[in-house]
N, C-alpha and C. Protein backbone atom coordinates (compact mmCIF):
# COMPACT_ATOMS: atom_id res chain seq x y z
N MET A 1 19.23 24.32 29.46
CA MET A 1 19.53 23.02 28.86
C MET A 1 21.04 22.82 28.81
N ASN A 2 21.46 21.58 29.02
CA ASN A 2 22.88 21.31 28.82
C ASN A 2 23.11 21.02 27.35
N SER A 3 24.38 20.97 26.92
CA SER A 3 24.67 20.87 25.49
C SER A 3 24.24 19.55 24.88
N ILE A 4 24.28 18.44 25.63
CA ILE A 4 23.83 17.16 25.09
C ILE A 4 22.33 17.22 24.86
N LYS A 5 21.61 17.73 25.83
CA LYS A 5 20.17 17.86 25.70
C LYS A 5 19.82 18.79 24.54
N ASP A 6 20.58 19.89 24.39
CA ASP A 6 20.34 20.81 23.29
C ASP A 6 20.48 20.11 21.94
N SER A 7 21.53 19.36 21.76
CA SER A 7 21.77 18.67 20.49
C SER A 7 20.67 17.66 20.19
N LYS A 8 20.23 16.93 21.19
CA LYS A 8 19.17 15.95 20.99
C LYS A 8 17.84 16.63 20.73
N TYR A 9 17.57 17.69 21.44
CA TYR A 9 16.33 18.44 21.26
C TYR A 9 16.27 19.01 19.84
N ILE A 10 17.35 19.61 19.40
CA ILE A 10 17.42 20.16 18.04
C ILE A 10 17.27 19.03 17.02
N GLY A 11 17.91 17.90 17.27
CA GLY A 11 17.82 16.76 16.38
C GLY A 11 16.41 16.22 16.26
N ILE A 12 15.70 16.14 17.37
CA ILE A 12 14.32 15.66 17.35
C ILE A 12 13.45 16.61 16.54
N LYS A 13 13.62 17.91 16.77
CA LYS A 13 12.81 18.87 16.02
C LYS A 13 13.14 18.81 14.54
N MET A 14 14.41 18.62 14.21
CA MET A 14 14.83 18.51 12.82
C MET A 14 14.18 17.30 12.17
N LYS A 15 14.20 16.17 12.85
CA LYS A 15 13.62 14.94 12.33
C LYS A 15 12.11 15.08 12.13
N LEU A 16 11.43 15.68 13.12
CA LEU A 16 10.00 15.89 13.01
C LEU A 16 9.66 16.71 11.76
N LYS A 17 10.38 17.80 11.58
CA LYS A 17 10.09 18.69 10.45
C LYS A 17 10.43 18.00 9.14
N ARG A 18 11.54 17.29 9.09
CA ARG A 18 11.95 16.59 7.87
C ARG A 18 10.87 15.57 7.47
N LYS A 19 10.40 14.80 8.45
CA LYS A 19 9.37 13.80 8.17
C LYS A 19 8.06 14.46 7.78
N GLU A 20 7.71 15.55 8.44
CA GLU A 20 6.49 16.28 8.11
C GLU A 20 6.50 16.72 6.65
N LEU A 21 7.66 17.11 6.17
CA LEU A 21 7.80 17.57 4.79
C LEU A 21 8.00 16.42 3.80
N GLY A 22 8.16 15.20 4.32
CA GLY A 22 8.35 14.05 3.44
C GLY A 22 9.72 14.00 2.79
N ILE A 23 10.71 14.52 3.49
CA ILE A 23 12.09 14.54 2.98
C ILE A 23 12.88 13.42 3.63
N SER A 24 13.55 12.61 2.83
CA SER A 24 14.37 11.53 3.38
C SER A 24 15.67 12.09 3.94
N GLN A 25 16.33 11.28 4.76
CA GLN A 25 17.65 11.69 5.27
C GLN A 25 18.62 11.87 4.12
N GLU A 26 18.53 11.01 3.13
CA GLU A 26 19.43 11.11 1.97
C GLU A 26 19.22 12.44 1.25
N LYS A 27 17.95 12.79 1.02
CA LYS A 27 17.63 14.03 0.30
C LYS A 27 18.10 15.25 1.09
N LEU A 28 17.83 15.27 2.38
CA LEU A 28 18.27 16.40 3.20
C LEU A 28 19.79 16.50 3.18
N GLY A 29 20.46 15.35 3.25
CA GLY A 29 21.92 15.35 3.18
C GLY A 29 22.42 15.96 1.89
N GLU A 30 21.78 15.60 0.77
CA GLU A 30 22.16 16.19 -0.53
C GLU A 30 21.93 17.69 -0.53
N MET A 31 20.82 18.12 0.06
CA MET A 31 20.47 19.54 0.08
C MET A 31 21.49 20.38 0.85
N VAL A 32 22.07 19.79 1.90
CA VAL A 32 22.99 20.56 2.75
C VAL A 32 24.45 20.16 2.58
N GLY A 33 24.70 19.14 1.74
CA GLY A 33 26.07 18.76 1.42
C GLY A 33 26.75 17.82 2.40
N VAL A 34 25.95 16.92 3.02
CA VAL A 34 26.53 15.91 3.90
C VAL A 34 25.88 14.56 3.58
N THR A 35 26.41 13.50 4.16
CA THR A 35 25.86 12.16 3.94
C THR A 35 24.60 11.97 4.79
N TYR A 36 23.81 10.96 4.44
CA TYR A 36 22.64 10.65 5.25
C TYR A 36 23.06 10.19 6.64
N GLN A 37 24.24 9.56 6.74
CA GLN A 37 24.73 9.12 8.05
C GLN A 37 24.95 10.33 8.97
N GLN A 38 25.43 11.42 8.38
CA GLN A 38 25.65 12.63 9.17
C GLN A 38 24.31 13.21 9.63
N ILE A 39 23.32 13.17 8.75
CA ILE A 39 21.97 13.63 9.14
C ILE A 39 21.46 12.79 10.30
N GLN A 40 21.66 11.46 10.23
CA GLN A 40 21.25 10.58 11.33
C GLN A 40 21.91 11.01 12.63
N LYS A 41 23.20 11.31 12.57
CA LYS A 41 23.92 11.70 13.78
C LYS A 41 23.41 13.03 14.33
N TYR A 42 23.06 13.97 13.44
CA TYR A 42 22.47 15.23 13.90
C TYR A 42 21.12 14.96 14.56
N GLU A 43 20.31 14.12 13.94
CA GLU A 43 18.97 13.86 14.47
C GLU A 43 19.00 13.14 15.81
N LYS A 44 19.99 12.30 16.02
CA LYS A 44 20.12 11.59 17.30
C LYS A 44 20.85 12.42 18.35
N GLY A 45 21.40 13.56 17.93
CA GLY A 45 22.13 14.41 18.87
C GLY A 45 23.54 13.92 19.14
N ILE A 46 24.02 12.98 18.33
CA ILE A 46 25.37 12.45 18.51
C ILE A 46 26.39 13.51 18.11
N ASN A 47 26.16 14.13 16.96
CA ASN A 47 27.04 15.21 16.49
C ASN A 47 26.32 16.55 16.61
N LYS A 48 27.06 17.56 17.00
CA LYS A 48 26.51 18.90 17.07
C LYS A 48 26.67 19.59 15.72
N MET A 49 25.72 20.46 15.41
CA MET A 49 25.80 21.24 14.17
C MET A 49 26.46 22.56 14.44
N ASN A 50 27.30 22.98 13.50
CA ASN A 50 27.83 24.33 13.62
C ASN A 50 26.79 25.30 13.05
N VAL A 51 27.01 26.58 13.21
CA VAL A 51 26.05 27.59 12.79
C VAL A 51 25.78 27.52 11.30
N GLU A 52 26.82 27.33 10.51
CA GLU A 52 26.64 27.25 9.06
C GLU A 52 25.73 26.09 8.68
N MET A 53 25.93 24.93 9.29
CA MET A 53 25.10 23.77 8.99
C MET A 53 23.67 24.00 9.44
N LEU A 54 23.51 24.59 10.60
CA LEU A 54 22.16 24.88 11.09
C LEU A 54 21.43 25.82 10.13
N GLN A 55 22.14 26.80 9.59
CA GLN A 55 21.53 27.71 8.62
C GLN A 55 21.12 26.97 7.35
N LYS A 56 21.98 26.07 6.86
CA LYS A 56 21.64 25.29 5.66
C LYS A 56 20.40 24.43 5.91
N ILE A 57 20.34 23.84 7.08
CA ILE A 57 19.20 22.96 7.39
C ILE A 57 17.92 23.77 7.53
N THR A 58 18.00 24.93 8.18
CA THR A 58 16.79 25.76 8.31
C THR A 58 16.28 26.20 6.94
N ARG A 59 17.19 26.53 6.02
CA ARG A 59 16.78 26.91 4.67
C ARG A 59 16.15 25.71 3.95
N SER A 60 16.76 24.54 4.09
CA SER A 60 16.26 23.35 3.41
C SER A 60 14.91 22.91 3.94
N LEU A 61 14.68 23.09 5.23
CA LEU A 61 13.41 22.71 5.85
C LEU A 61 12.40 23.86 5.86
N ASN A 62 12.84 25.00 5.37
CA ASN A 62 11.99 26.19 5.27
C ASN A 62 11.39 26.59 6.62
N VAL A 63 12.26 26.65 7.63
CA VAL A 63 11.84 27.09 8.96
C VAL A 63 12.77 28.20 9.43
N PRO A 64 12.29 29.08 10.29
CA PRO A 64 13.18 30.09 10.86
C PRO A 64 14.15 29.43 11.84
N ILE A 65 15.28 30.03 12.05
CA ILE A 65 16.29 29.41 12.92
C ILE A 65 15.77 29.23 14.35
N ASP A 66 14.88 30.14 14.78
CA ASP A 66 14.37 30.00 16.15
C ASP A 66 13.43 28.81 16.31
N PHE A 67 13.03 28.16 15.21
CA PHE A 67 12.24 26.94 15.28
C PHE A 67 12.94 25.91 16.17
N PHE A 68 14.26 25.86 16.09
CA PHE A 68 15.03 24.87 16.85
C PHE A 68 15.24 25.27 18.31
N PHE A 69 14.91 26.50 18.66
CA PHE A 69 15.19 26.98 20.01
C PHE A 69 13.94 27.41 20.77
N MET A 70 12.78 27.35 20.12
CA MET A 70 11.54 27.75 20.79
C MET A 70 11.28 26.81 21.95
N GLU A 71 10.87 27.40 23.05
CA GLU A 71 10.56 26.59 24.22
C GLU A 71 9.29 25.81 23.99
N ALA A 72 9.24 24.63 24.53
CA ALA A 72 8.05 23.79 24.45
C ALA A 72 8.02 22.92 25.68
N ASP A 73 6.88 22.34 25.93
CA ASP A 73 6.77 21.39 27.03
C ASP A 73 7.71 20.23 26.72
N ASP A 74 8.67 19.99 27.58
CA ASP A 74 9.67 18.96 27.33
C ASP A 74 9.07 17.59 27.06
N THR A 75 7.94 17.27 27.70
CA THR A 75 7.36 15.95 27.48
C THR A 75 6.83 15.78 26.07
N VAL A 76 6.46 16.86 25.42
CA VAL A 76 5.97 16.78 24.04
C VAL A 76 7.07 16.27 23.12
N TYR A 77 8.29 16.66 23.39
CA TYR A 77 9.40 16.26 22.54
C TYR A 77 10.17 15.07 23.10
N GLY A 78 9.63 14.44 24.12
CA GLY A 78 10.24 13.23 24.64
C GLY A 78 11.39 13.49 25.59
N LEU A 79 11.50 14.69 26.15
CA LEU A 79 12.56 14.96 27.10
C LEU A 79 12.04 14.60 28.48
N SER A 80 12.53 13.54 29.02
CA SER A 80 12.04 13.06 30.29
C SER A 80 12.64 13.88 31.42
N LYS A 81 11.78 14.52 32.20
CA LYS A 81 12.25 15.35 33.31
C LYS A 81 12.66 14.51 34.50
N ASP A 82 12.09 13.31 34.62
CA ASP A 82 12.36 12.52 35.82
C ASP A 82 13.72 11.83 35.80
N ASN A 83 14.23 11.45 34.65
CA ASN A 83 15.51 10.76 34.63
C ASN A 83 16.55 11.45 33.77
N GLY A 84 16.19 12.55 33.13
CA GLY A 84 17.15 13.32 32.34
C GLY A 84 17.52 12.71 31.01
N ARG A 85 16.96 11.55 30.65
CA ARG A 85 17.29 10.92 29.37
C ARG A 85 16.28 11.34 28.32
N MET A 86 16.70 11.18 27.06
CA MET A 86 15.82 11.52 25.95
C MET A 86 15.14 10.26 25.44
N LYS A 87 13.91 10.40 25.03
CA LYS A 87 13.20 9.33 24.33
C LYS A 87 12.62 9.96 23.09
N GLU A 88 12.72 9.26 21.97
CA GLU A 88 12.10 9.80 20.77
C GLU A 88 10.64 9.40 20.74
N ILE A 89 9.79 10.30 21.16
CA ILE A 89 8.37 10.04 21.17
C ILE A 89 7.73 10.59 19.89
N MET A 90 8.21 11.70 19.40
CA MET A 90 7.75 12.29 18.15
C MET A 90 6.26 12.60 18.16
N GLU A 91 5.80 13.23 19.20
CA GLU A 91 4.38 13.53 19.25
C GLU A 91 4.12 15.03 19.24
N ALA A 92 5.02 15.78 18.64
CA ALA A 92 4.85 17.22 18.57
C ALA A 92 3.65 17.58 17.72
N LYS A 93 3.19 18.79 17.86
CA LYS A 93 2.02 19.23 17.12
C LYS A 93 2.19 19.01 15.63
N SER A 94 3.38 19.22 15.11
CA SER A 94 3.59 19.06 13.67
C SER A 94 3.34 17.62 13.23
N THR A 95 3.59 16.66 14.10
CA THR A 95 3.32 15.27 13.75
C THR A 95 1.82 15.07 13.58
N TYR A 96 1.02 15.61 14.49
CA TYR A 96 -0.42 15.45 14.39
C TYR A 96 -0.99 16.21 13.21
N GLN A 97 -0.36 17.33 12.85
CA GLN A 97 -0.85 18.07 11.70
C GLN A 97 -0.73 17.24 10.43
N THR A 98 0.30 16.41 10.33
CA THR A 98 0.46 15.58 9.14
C THR A 98 -0.45 14.36 9.17
N CYS A 99 -0.99 14.03 10.35
CA CYS A 99 -1.86 12.86 10.46
C CYS A 99 -3.30 13.18 10.12
N GLY A 100 -3.62 14.42 9.94
CA GLY A 100 -4.97 14.78 9.52
C GLY A 100 -5.98 14.66 10.63
N ASP A 101 -7.01 13.87 10.39
CA ASP A 101 -8.17 13.85 11.27
C ASP A 101 -8.17 12.69 12.26
N LEU A 102 -7.08 12.49 12.97
CA LEU A 102 -7.05 11.43 13.98
C LEU A 102 -7.93 11.83 15.15
N SER A 103 -8.66 10.86 15.66
CA SER A 103 -9.46 11.10 16.86
C SER A 103 -8.53 11.22 18.06
N SER A 104 -9.07 11.68 19.17
CA SER A 104 -8.26 11.80 20.38
C SER A 104 -7.80 10.43 20.86
N GLU A 105 -8.63 9.39 20.65
CA GLU A 105 -8.23 8.03 21.03
C GLU A 105 -7.06 7.56 20.17
N GLU A 106 -7.12 7.84 18.87
CA GLU A 106 -6.04 7.44 17.97
C GLU A 106 -4.74 8.17 18.32
N GLN A 107 -4.85 9.45 18.64
CA GLN A 107 -3.67 10.22 19.05
C GLN A 107 -3.08 9.65 20.34
N GLU A 108 -3.94 9.29 21.28
CA GLU A 108 -3.48 8.71 22.54
C GLU A 108 -2.80 7.37 22.31
N LEU A 109 -3.36 6.56 21.40
CA LEU A 109 -2.76 5.27 21.05
C LEU A 109 -1.36 5.46 20.49
N ILE A 110 -1.21 6.41 19.58
CA ILE A 110 0.10 6.69 18.98
C ILE A 110 1.07 7.19 20.05
N LYS A 111 0.59 8.08 20.90
CA LYS A 111 1.43 8.63 21.98
C LYS A 111 1.94 7.51 22.88
N CYS A 112 1.05 6.63 23.28
CA CYS A 112 1.45 5.52 24.17
C CYS A 112 2.39 4.57 23.45
N PHE A 113 2.09 4.23 22.20
CA PHE A 113 2.94 3.31 21.44
C PHE A 113 4.35 3.87 21.32
N ARG A 114 4.47 5.15 21.01
CA ARG A 114 5.79 5.76 20.83
C ARG A 114 6.56 5.89 22.14
N ALA A 115 5.84 5.86 23.25
CA ALA A 115 6.50 5.97 24.55
C ALA A 115 7.10 4.65 25.02
N ILE A 116 6.78 3.55 24.34
CA ILE A 116 7.32 2.24 24.72
C ILE A 116 8.75 2.15 24.20
N PRO A 117 9.75 2.13 25.07
CA PRO A 117 11.14 2.14 24.61
C PRO A 117 11.63 0.81 24.04
N ASP A 118 11.04 -0.30 24.47
CA ASP A 118 11.50 -1.61 24.06
C ASP A 118 10.89 -2.02 22.73
N LYS A 119 11.73 -2.27 21.74
CA LYS A 119 11.26 -2.62 20.39
C LYS A 119 10.44 -3.91 20.39
N GLU A 120 10.85 -4.89 21.17
CA GLU A 120 10.13 -6.15 21.22
C GLU A 120 8.72 -5.97 21.78
N TYR A 121 8.56 -5.13 22.80
CA TYR A 121 7.23 -4.85 23.34
C TYR A 121 6.36 -4.17 22.30
N ARG A 122 6.96 -3.20 21.56
CA ARG A 122 6.19 -2.52 20.51
C ARG A 122 5.73 -3.51 19.45
N GLU A 123 6.64 -4.42 19.03
CA GLU A 123 6.28 -5.42 18.02
C GLU A 123 5.18 -6.35 18.52
N CYS A 124 5.26 -6.78 19.77
CA CYS A 124 4.22 -7.65 20.34
C CYS A 124 2.88 -6.92 20.39
N PHE A 125 2.91 -5.68 20.83
CA PHE A 125 1.69 -4.89 20.92
C PHE A 125 1.07 -4.71 19.53
N LEU A 126 1.89 -4.39 18.55
CA LEU A 126 1.42 -4.22 17.18
C LEU A 126 0.82 -5.53 16.64
N SER A 127 1.48 -6.63 16.92
CA SER A 127 0.98 -7.94 16.50
C SER A 127 -0.39 -8.22 17.13
N LEU A 128 -0.53 -7.90 18.41
CA LEU A 128 -1.80 -8.08 19.10
C LEU A 128 -2.90 -7.23 18.48
N LEU A 129 -2.59 -5.99 18.18
CA LEU A 129 -3.58 -5.10 17.54
C LEU A 129 -4.00 -5.61 16.18
N LYS A 130 -3.04 -6.10 15.40
CA LYS A 130 -3.35 -6.63 14.07
C LYS A 130 -4.27 -7.84 14.17
N LYS A 131 -3.98 -8.74 15.13
CA LYS A 131 -4.81 -9.93 15.31
C LYS A 131 -6.22 -9.53 15.74
N ALA A 132 -6.32 -8.56 16.63
CA ALA A 132 -7.65 -8.10 17.06
C ALA A 132 -8.40 -7.50 15.89
N ALA A 133 -7.74 -6.72 15.06
CA ALA A 133 -8.40 -6.10 13.91
C ALA A 133 -8.81 -7.17 12.90
N GLU A 134 -7.95 -8.16 12.67
CA GLU A 134 -8.28 -9.25 11.73
C GLU A 134 -9.48 -10.05 12.22
N SER A 135 -9.52 -10.35 13.51
CA SER A 135 -10.64 -11.14 14.01
C SER A 135 -11.94 -10.33 13.97
N GLU A 136 -11.86 -9.03 14.15
CA GLU A 136 -13.02 -8.16 14.06
C GLU A 136 -13.55 -8.11 12.63
N VAL A 137 -12.63 -8.03 11.66
CA VAL A 137 -13.04 -8.03 10.24
C VAL A 137 -13.66 -9.37 9.88
N SER A 138 -13.06 -10.45 10.34
CA SER A 138 -13.61 -11.80 10.07
C SER A 138 -15.00 -11.95 10.67
N ALA A 139 -15.21 -11.44 11.85
CA ALA A 139 -16.50 -11.56 12.54
C ALA A 139 -17.60 -10.78 11.81
N GLN A 140 -17.21 -9.71 11.13
CA GLN A 140 -18.19 -8.88 10.43
C GLN A 140 -18.60 -9.47 9.09
N LYS A 141 -17.85 -10.44 8.58
CA LYS A 141 -18.15 -11.02 7.26
C LYS A 141 -19.27 -11.98 7.31
């Protein structure tokens, strides 16, 4: 991995774990002694963490340090092999563990939705789903 990819990969894993634990960026920042803006920069891979900060974060998230370096299928963490860019897909196993009993169809829906990079497309798709669900509920009444 190159250093930019490393920082983004670590940031994605940090964000996944933080969300899994229900910890806000503000709270994590307080726990490790930085602002929430700094946590955002770590999670986006904009700023690199030094060893001391990485240790504080691992303690705060209650994970071993190798959690951030374990190999995984790059596509699970949104690392696109075809163009070298990162996408935040957030579909790691830990995300599904917090979702409980999602069916395979529901997991696939979430996976596809998160893979859409354009915010406007996601909003349109969500609006369409809501309208379909509303009309289905109305039809059942």
